Amino acid sequence: MFYKDERLALFIDGSNLYAAAKSLGFDIDYKLLRHEFMRRGKLLRAFYYTALLENDDYSPIRPLVDWLNYNGFTMVTKAAKEYTDREGRRKVKGNMDIELCVDALELAPHVDHIVLFSGDGDFRPLLEAIQRKGVRVSVVSTIRSNPPMISDELRRQADNFIELDELRDVIGRPPREDHADAEHPPADN
């Protein structure tokens, strides 16, 4: 439930939202996402959190980060740590939970409603703390993936759960033509 005069802030756990949308088989159009929540209330801030590999010449997420930065999103990034596990596999670690929590708690006194795009159960104490400040919290994730991308504890703590799959038609990108062509090549004449 949203009210038109509510001051809103969006907190997007980038890797979590990407994984949830991918599990549902669609890509997010962030321009549409921002417009949808501007329509629902007075959007004060839209934060996007992601870790970046600093030593790569090209990161596939870099164009998205740059676009978001120029189009009304507050980008919060940090360098991801790269390491090799015991089996010799290359791993990347870049958790942004603390940054998101600090920003949400700092902004809470200035908003009426916070929308968290994540299903990570580690955020349950954050929701509880924000709610104690009188701020309503909605969580956007999915229970329709297998396994569900939202923890039960987080869903129970939220004032409102928004199923990501139900936003598909509003914030999803249209399928690219090149994918359709690859699946259905033209018939030979």
Foldseek 3Di string as FASTA:
>chain_A
DFDAAFEEEEEEAPVQLQVQQVLVPFDFQVVLVVVVVVRRYPYDAYEYEDEDAPPDPDDPCVVVQVVCVVRGHHYDYYHWDWDADPVRDIDTHGDCVVVSLVVCVVCLVVTQEYEYEFQDPVCLVSLVVSVVSNHAYEYEGAPPGVNGRHDPSNCVSHPYYDYNVVCCVRGTDDDDPVVVCVVPPDDDD
